[in-house]
């Protein structure tokens, strides 16, 4: 599969919290916690489970820096 997104982070699924429609997927990328909100259908279609190796695609329209 080809995709235009360039911000790809290899990660491991640490936790999946399912709600009624959406799920919170917590991943680990080199010691940094990443969190994504995806649909329950997507969790099921991907057959996601704790320990799975995944790729997190990051798309942002804005980034801020504070010091």
PDB file of N, CA and C in Angstrom:
ATOM      1  N   UNK A   1       0.841  -1.168   0.000  1.00  0.00           N
ATOM      2  CA  UNK A   1       0.000   0.000   0.000  1.00  0.00           C
ATOM      3  C   UNK A   1       0.891   1.238   0.000  1.00  0.00           C
ATOM      4  N   UNK A   2       0.568   2.196  -0.837  1.00  0.00           N
ATOM      5  CA  UNK A   2       1.293   3.464  -0.855  1.00  0.00           C
ATOM      6  C   UNK A   2       0.455   4.501  -0.121  1.00  0.00           C
ATOM      7  N   UNK A   3       1.154   5.421   0.541  1.00  0.00           N
ATOM      8  CA  UNK A   3       0.458   6.487   1.268  1.00  0.00           C
ATOM      9  C   UNK A   3       1.302   7.751   1.168  1.00  0.00           C
ATOM     10  N   UNK A   4       0.647   8.897   1.116  1.00  0.00           N
ATOM     11  CA  UNK A   4       1.365  10.154   0.948  1.00  0.00           C
ATOM     12  C   UNK A   4       1.977  10.667   2.249  1.00  0.00           C
ATOM     13  N   UNK A   5       1.483  10.195   3.396  1.00  0.00           N
ATOM     14  CA  UNK A   5       2.006  10.663   4.681  1.00  0.00           C
ATOM     15  C   UNK A   5       3.466  10.296   4.863  1.00  0.00           C
ATOM     16  N   UNK A   6       4.258  11.227   5.350  1.00  0.00           N
ATOM     17  CA  UNK A   6       5.688  10.995   5.529  1.00  0.00           C
ATOM     18  C   UNK A   6       6.088  10.847   6.994  1.00  0.00           C
ATOM     19  N   UNK A   7       5.233  11.242   7.912  1.00  0.00           N
ATOM     20  CA  UNK A   7       5.538  11.163   9.331  1.00  0.00           C
ATOM     21  C   UNK A   7       5.093   9.810   9.872  1.00  0.00           C
ATOM     22  N   UNK A   8       5.930   8.799   9.667  1.00  0.00           N
ATOM     23  CA  UNK A   8       5.610   7.425  10.047  1.00  0.00           C
ATOM     24  C   UNK A   8       6.465   7.041  11.246  1.00  0.00           C
ATOM     25  N   UNK A   9       5.835   6.548  12.299  1.00  0.00           N
ATOM     26  CA  UNK A   9       6.540   6.149  13.506  1.00  0.00           C
ATOM     27  C   UNK A   9       6.218   4.692  13.823  1.00  0.00           C
ATOM     28  N   UNK A  10       7.241   3.860  13.874  1.00  0.00           N
ATOM     29  CA  UNK A  10       7.051   2.455  14.246  1.00  0.00           C
ATOM     30  C   UNK A  10       6.761   2.411  15.740  1.00  0.00           C
ATOM     31  N   UNK A  11       5.743   1.667  16.134  1.00  0.00           N
ATOM     32  CA  UNK A  11       5.325   1.639  17.533  1.00  0.00           C
ATOM     33  C   UNK A  11       4.763   0.270  17.897  1.00  0.00           C
ATOM     34  N   UNK A  12       4.560   0.086  19.205  1.00  0.00           N
ATOM     35  CA  UNK A  12       3.960  -1.135  19.736  1.00  0.00           C
ATOM     36  C   UNK A  12       2.712  -0.763  20.516  1.00  0.00           C
ATOM     37  N   UNK A  13       1.607  -1.468  20.269  1.00  0.00           N
ATOM     38  CA  UNK A  13       0.354  -1.191  20.968  1.00  0.00           C
ATOM     39  C   UNK A  13       0.503  -1.593  22.436  1.00  0.00           C
ATOM     40  N   UNK A  14       0.226  -0.641  23.346  1.00  0.00           N
ATOM     41  CA  UNK A  14       0.316  -0.888  24.788  1.00  0.00           C
ATOM     42  C   UNK A  14      -1.048  -1.068  25.427  1.00  0.00           C
ATOM     43  N   UNK A  15      -2.046  -0.368  24.892  1.00  0.00           N
ATOM     44  CA  UNK A  15      -3.375  -0.376  25.521  1.00  0.00           C
ATOM     45  C   UNK A  15      -4.428  -0.006  24.485  1.00  0.00           C
ATOM     46  N   UNK A  16      -5.594  -0.614  24.597  1.00  0.00           N
ATOM     47  CA  UNK A  16      -6.748  -0.269  23.762  1.00  0.00           C
ATOM     48  C   UNK A  16      -7.935  -0.091  24.689  1.00  0.00           C
ATOM     49  N   UNK A  17      -8.514   1.110  24.676  1.00  0.00           N
ATOM     50  CA  UNK A  17      -9.678   1.407  25.518  1.00  0.00           C
ATOM     51  C   UNK A  17     -10.854   1.675  24.588  1.00  0.00           C
ATOM     52  N   UNK A  18     -11.819   0.762  24.592  1.00  0.00           N
ATOM     53  CA  UNK A  18     -12.964   0.883  23.693  1.00  0.00           C
ATOM     54  C   UNK A  18     -14.109   1.626  24.361  1.00  0.00           C
ATOM     55  N   UNK A  19     -14.668   2.586  23.614  1.00  0.00           N
ATOM     56  CA  UNK A  19     -15.889   3.257  24.024  1.00  0.00           C
ATOM     57  C   UNK A  19     -17.028   2.688  23.201  1.00  0.00           C
ATOM     58  N   UNK A  20     -18.103   3.454  23.066  1.00  0.00           N
ATOM     59  CA  UNK A  20     -19.242   2.972  22.283  1.00  0.00           C
ATOM     60  C   UNK A  20     -18.982   3.045  20.785  1.00  0.00           C
ATOM     61  N   UNK A  21     -18.304   4.107  20.347  1.00  0.00           N
ATOM     62  CA  UNK A  21     -18.053   4.311  18.922  1.00  0.00           C
ATOM     63  C   UNK A  21     -16.553   4.406  18.632  1.00  0.00           C
ATOM     64  N   UNK A  22     -15.804   5.034  19.522  1.00  0.00           N
ATOM     65  CA  UNK A  22     -14.380   5.285  19.330  1.00  0.00           C
ATOM     66  C   UNK A  22     -13.546   4.459  20.314  1.00  0.00           C
ATOM     67  N   UNK A  23     -12.277   4.311  19.970  1.00  0.00           N
ATOM     68  CA  UNK A  23     -11.336   3.617  20.842  1.00  0.00           C
ATOM     69  C   UNK A  23     -10.081   4.471  20.979  1.00  0.00           C
ATOM     70  N   UNK A  24      -9.474   4.424  22.156  1.00  0.00           N
ATOM     71  CA  UNK A  24      -8.188   5.076  22.385  1.00  0.00           C
ATOM     72  C   UNK A  24      -7.124   3.994  22.275  1.00  0.00           C
ATOM     73  N   UNK A  25      -6.170   4.210  21.379  1.00  0.00           N
ATOM     74  CA  UNK A  25      -5.085   3.252  21.188  1.00  0.00           C
ATOM     75  C   UNK A  25      -3.800   3.916  21.683  1.00  0.00           C
ATOM     76  N   UNK A  26      -3.218   3.329  22.715  1.00  0.00           N
ATOM     77  CA  UNK A  26      -1.978   3.854  23.285  1.00  0.00           C
ATOM     78  C   UNK A  26      -0.837   3.010  22.738  1.00  0.00           C
ATOM     79  N   UNK A  27       0.189   3.695  22.211  1.00  0.00           N
ATOM     80  CA  UNK A  27       1.325   3.009  21.598  1.00  0.00           C
ATOM     81  C   UNK A  27       2.626   3.518  22.195  1.00  0.00           C
ATOM     82  N   UNK A  28       3.664   2.698  22.086  1.00  0.00           N
ATOM     83  CA  UNK A  28       4.997   3.091  22.525  1.00  0.00           C
ATOM     84  C   UNK A  28       5.903   3.216  21.313  1.00  0.00           C
ATOM     85  N   UNK A  29       6.549   4.379  21.180  1.00  0.00           N
ATOM     86  CA  UNK A  29       7.531   4.611  20.122  1.00  0.00           C
ATOM     87  C   UNK A  29       8.838   5.024  20.786  1.00  0.00           C
ATOM     88  N   UNK A  30       9.759   4.095  20.914  1.00  0.00           N
ATOM     89  CA  UNK A  30      11.078   4.364  21.495  1.00  0.00           C
ATOM     90  C   UNK A  30      10.977   5.049  22.857  1.00  0.00           C
ATOM     91  N   UNK A  31      10.045   4.593  23.695  1.00  0.00           N
ATOM     92  CA  UNK A  31       9.885   5.154  25.025  1.00  0.00           C
ATOM     93  C   UNK A  31       8.954   6.345  25.109  1.00  0.00           C
ATOM     94  N   UNK A  32       8.450   6.798  23.976  1.00  0.00           N
ATOM     95  CA  UNK A  32       7.498   7.911  23.943  1.00  0.00           C
ATOM     96  C   UNK A  32       6.102   7.360  23.720  1.00  0.00           C
ATOM     97  N   UNK A  33       5.159   7.801  24.547  1.00  0.00           N
ATOM     98  CA  UNK A  33       3.778   7.338  24.428  1.00  0.00           C
ATOM     99  C   UNK A  33       3.047   8.133  23.352  1.00  0.00           C
ATOM    100  N   UNK A  34       2.432   7.419  22.448  1.00  0.00           N
ATOM    101  CA  UNK A  34       1.592   8.003  21.408  1.00  0.00           C
ATOM    102  C   UNK A  34       0.170   7.544  21.659  1.00  0.00           C
ATOM    103  N   UNK A  35      -0.803   8.445  21.443  1.00  0.00           N
ATOM    104  CA  UNK A  35      -2.204   8.088  21.647  1.00  0.00           C
ATOM    105  C   UNK A  35      -2.997   8.490  20.407  1.00  0.00           C
ATOM    106  N   UNK A  36      -3.796   7.554  19.916  1.00  0.00           N
ATOM    107  CA  UNK A  36      -4.649   7.826  18.759  1.00  0.00           C
ATOM    108  C   UNK A  36      -6.093   7.482  19.105  1.00  0.00           C
ATOM    109  N   UNK A  37      -7.014   8.267  18.583  1.00  0.00           N
ATOM    110  CA  UNK A  37      -8.442   7.978  18.703  1.00  0.00           C
ATOM    111  C   UNK A  37      -8.905   7.475  17.340  1.00  0.00           C
ATOM    112  N   UNK A  38      -9.357   6.216  17.310  1.00  0.00           N
ATOM    113  CA  UNK A  38      -9.844   5.631  16.062  1.00  0.00           C
ATOM    114  C   UNK A  38     -11.188   4.954  16.329  1.00  0.00           C
ATOM    115  N   UNK A  39     -11.898   4.641  15.265  1.00  0.00           N
ATOM    116  CA  UNK A  39     -13.207   4.011  15.444  1.00  0.00           C
ATOM    117  C   UNK A  39     -13.052   2.561  15.908  1.00  0.00           C
ATOM    118  N   UNK A  40     -14.087   2.079  16.579  1.00  0.00           N
ATOM    119  CA  UNK A  40     -14.130   0.674  16.986  1.00  0.00           C
ATOM    120  C   UNK A  40     -14.041  -0.221  15.742  1.00  0.00           C
ATOM    121  N   UNK A  41     -14.719   0.193  14.666  1.00  0.00           N
ATOM    122  CA  UNK A  41     -14.658  -0.578  13.419  1.00  0.00           C
ATOM    123  C   UNK A  41     -13.221  -0.731  12.939  1.00  0.00           C
ATOM    124  N   UNK A  42     -12.415   0.326  13.055  1.00  0.00           N
ATOM    125  CA  UNK A  42     -11.021   0.261  12.624  1.00  0.00           C
ATOM    126  C   UNK A  42     -10.216  -0.687  13.505  1.00  0.00           C
ATOM    127  N   UNK A  43     -10.456  -0.658  14.810  1.00  0.00           N
ATOM    128  CA  UNK A  43      -9.778  -1.585  15.720  1.00  0.00           C
ATOM    129  C   UNK A  43     -10.085  -3.021  15.298  1.00  0.00           C
ATOM    130  N   UNK A  44     -11.341  -3.290  14.999  1.00  0.00           N
ATOM    131  CA  UNK A  44     -11.752  -4.638  14.610  1.00  0.00           C
ATOM    132  C   UNK A  44     -11.228  -5.015  13.219  1.00  0.00           C
ATOM    133  N   UNK A  45     -11.303  -4.071  12.263  1.00  0.00           N
ATOM    134  CA  UNK A  45     -10.805  -4.343  10.903  1.00  0.00           C
ATOM    135  C   UNK A  45      -9.302  -4.648  10.915  1.00  0.00           C
ATOM    136  N   UNK A  46      -8.548  -3.939  11.754  1.00  0.00           N
ATOM    137  CA  UNK A  46      -7.108  -4.146  11.855  1.00  0.00           C
ATOM    138  C   UNK A  46      -6.757  -5.310  12.781  1.00  0.00           C
ATOM    139  N   UNK A  47      -7.776  -5.817  13.486  1.00  0.00           N
ATOM    140  CA  UNK A  47      -7.570  -6.893  14.453  1.00  0.00           C
ATOM    141  C   UNK A  47      -6.472  -6.520  15.447  1.00  0.00           C
ATOM    142  N   UNK A  48      -6.528  -5.279  15.949  1.00  0.00           N
ATOM    143  CA  UNK A  48      -5.507  -4.762  16.858  1.00  0.00           C
ATOM    144  C   UNK A  48      -5.531  -5.472  18.197  1.00  0.00           C
ATOM    145  N   UNK A  49      -4.341  -5.707  18.728  1.00  0.00           N
ATOM    146  CA  UNK A  49      -4.204  -6.341  20.039  1.00  0.00           C
ATOM    147  C   UNK A  49      -2.963  -5.785  20.728  1.00  0.00           C
ATOM    148  N   UNK A  50      -2.935  -5.884  22.047  1.00  0.00           N
ATOM    149  CA  UNK A  50      -1.785  -5.461  22.828  1.00  0.00           C
ATOM    150  C   UNK A  50      -0.547  -6.208  22.325  1.00  0.00           C
ATOM    151  N   UNK A  51       0.544  -5.477  22.152  1.00  0.00           N
ATOM    152  CA  UNK A  51       1.795  -6.077  21.690  1.00  0.00           C
ATOM    153  C   UNK A  51       1.998  -6.039  20.187  1.00  0.00           C
ATOM    154  N   UNK A  52       0.950  -5.685  19.441  1.00  0.00           N
ATOM    155  CA  UNK A  52       1.080  -5.605  17.983  1.00  0.00           C
ATOM    156  C   UNK A  52       2.067  -4.514  17.588  1.00  0.00           C
ATOM    157  N   UNK A  53       2.877  -4.801  16.571  1.00  0.00           N
ATOM    158  CA  UNK A  53       3.751  -3.807  15.962  1.00  0.00           C
ATOM    159  C   UNK A  53       2.931  -3.076  14.914  1.00  0.00           C
ATOM    160  N   UNK A  54       2.893  -1.750  15.006  1.00  0.00           N
ATOM    161  CA  UNK A  54       2.084  -0.931  14.097  1.00  0.00           C
ATOM    162  C   UNK A  54       2.915   0.248  13.614  1.00  0.00           C
ATOM    163  N   UNK A  55       2.387   0.967  12.650  1.00  0.00           N
ATOM    164  CA  UNK A  55       2.977   2.217  12.198  1.00  0.00           C
ATOM    165  C   UNK A  55       1.973   3.322  12.475  1.00  0.00           C
ATOM    166  N   UNK A  56       2.401   4.324  13.234  1.00  0.00           N
ATOM    167  CA  UNK A  56       1.556   5.484  13.514  1.00  0.00           C
ATOM    168  C   UNK A  56       1.851   6.535  12.451  1.00  0.00           C
ATOM    169  N   UNK A  57       0.824   6.981  11.768  1.00  0.00           N
ATOM    170  CA  UNK A  57       0.968   8.046  10.777  1.00  0.00           C
ATOM    171  C   UNK A  57       0.486   9.342  11.412  1.00  0.00           C
ATOM    172  N   UNK A  58       1.343  10.351  11.411  1.00  0.00           N
ATOM    173  CA  UNK A  58       1.015  11.612  12.068  1.00  0.00           C
ATOM    174  C   UNK A  58       0.723  12.655  11.010  1.00  0.00           C
ATOM    175  N   UNK A  59      -0.463  13.249  11.095  1.00  0.00           N
ATOM    176  CA  UNK A  59      -0.833  14.326  10.177  1.00  0.00           C
ATOM    177  C   UNK A  59      -1.254  15.511  11.030  1.00  0.00           C
ATOM    178  N   UNK A  60      -0.574  16.598  10.864  1.00  0.00           N
ATOM    179  CA  UNK A  60      -0.886  17.787  11.654  1.00  0.00           C
ATOM    180  C   UNK A  60      -0.980  18.989  10.727  1.00  0.00           C
ATOM    181  N   UNK A  61      -1.958  19.812  10.969  1.00  0.00           N
ATOM    182  CA  UNK A  61      -2.082  21.040  10.188  1.00  0.00           C
ATOM    183  C   UNK A  61      -1.438  22.206  10.920  1.00  0.00           C
ATOM    184  N   UNK A  62      -1.054  21.971  12.161  1.00  0.00           N
ATOM    185  CA  UNK A  62      -0.457  23.035  12.972  1.00  0.00           C
ATOM    186  C   UNK A  62       0.480  22.418  13.996  1.00  0.00           C
ATOM    187  N   UNK A  63       1.583  23.089  14.252  1.00  0.00           N
ATOM    188  CA  UNK A  63       2.491  22.654  15.295  1.00  0.00           C
ATOM    189  C   UNK A  63       2.923  23.877  16.082  1.00  0.00           C
ATOM    190  N   UNK A  64       3.015  23.717  17.408  1.00  0.00           N
ATOM    191  CA  UNK A  64       3.418  24.821  18.269  1.00  0.00           C
ATOM    192  C   UNK A  64       4.639  24.395  19.061  1.00  0.00           C
ATOM    193  N   UNK A  65       5.490  25.368  19.397  1.00  0.00           N
ATOM    194  CA  UNK A  65       6.669  25.110  20.203  1.00  0.00           C
ATOM    195  C   UNK A  65       6.645  26.065  21.386  1.00  0.00           C
ATOM    196  N   UNK A  66       6.875  25.532  22.592  1.00  0.00           N
ATOM    197  CA  UNK A  66       6.954  26.389  23.772  1.00  0.00           C
ATOM    198  C   UNK A  66       8.268  26.116  24.478  1.00  0.00           C
ATOM    199  N   UNK A  67       8.703  27.090  25.235  1.00  0.00           N
ATOM    200  CA  UNK A  67       9.949  26.926  25.978  1.00  0.00           C
ATOM    201  C   UNK A  67       9.762  27.449  27.382  1.00  0.00           C
TER     202      UNK A  67
END
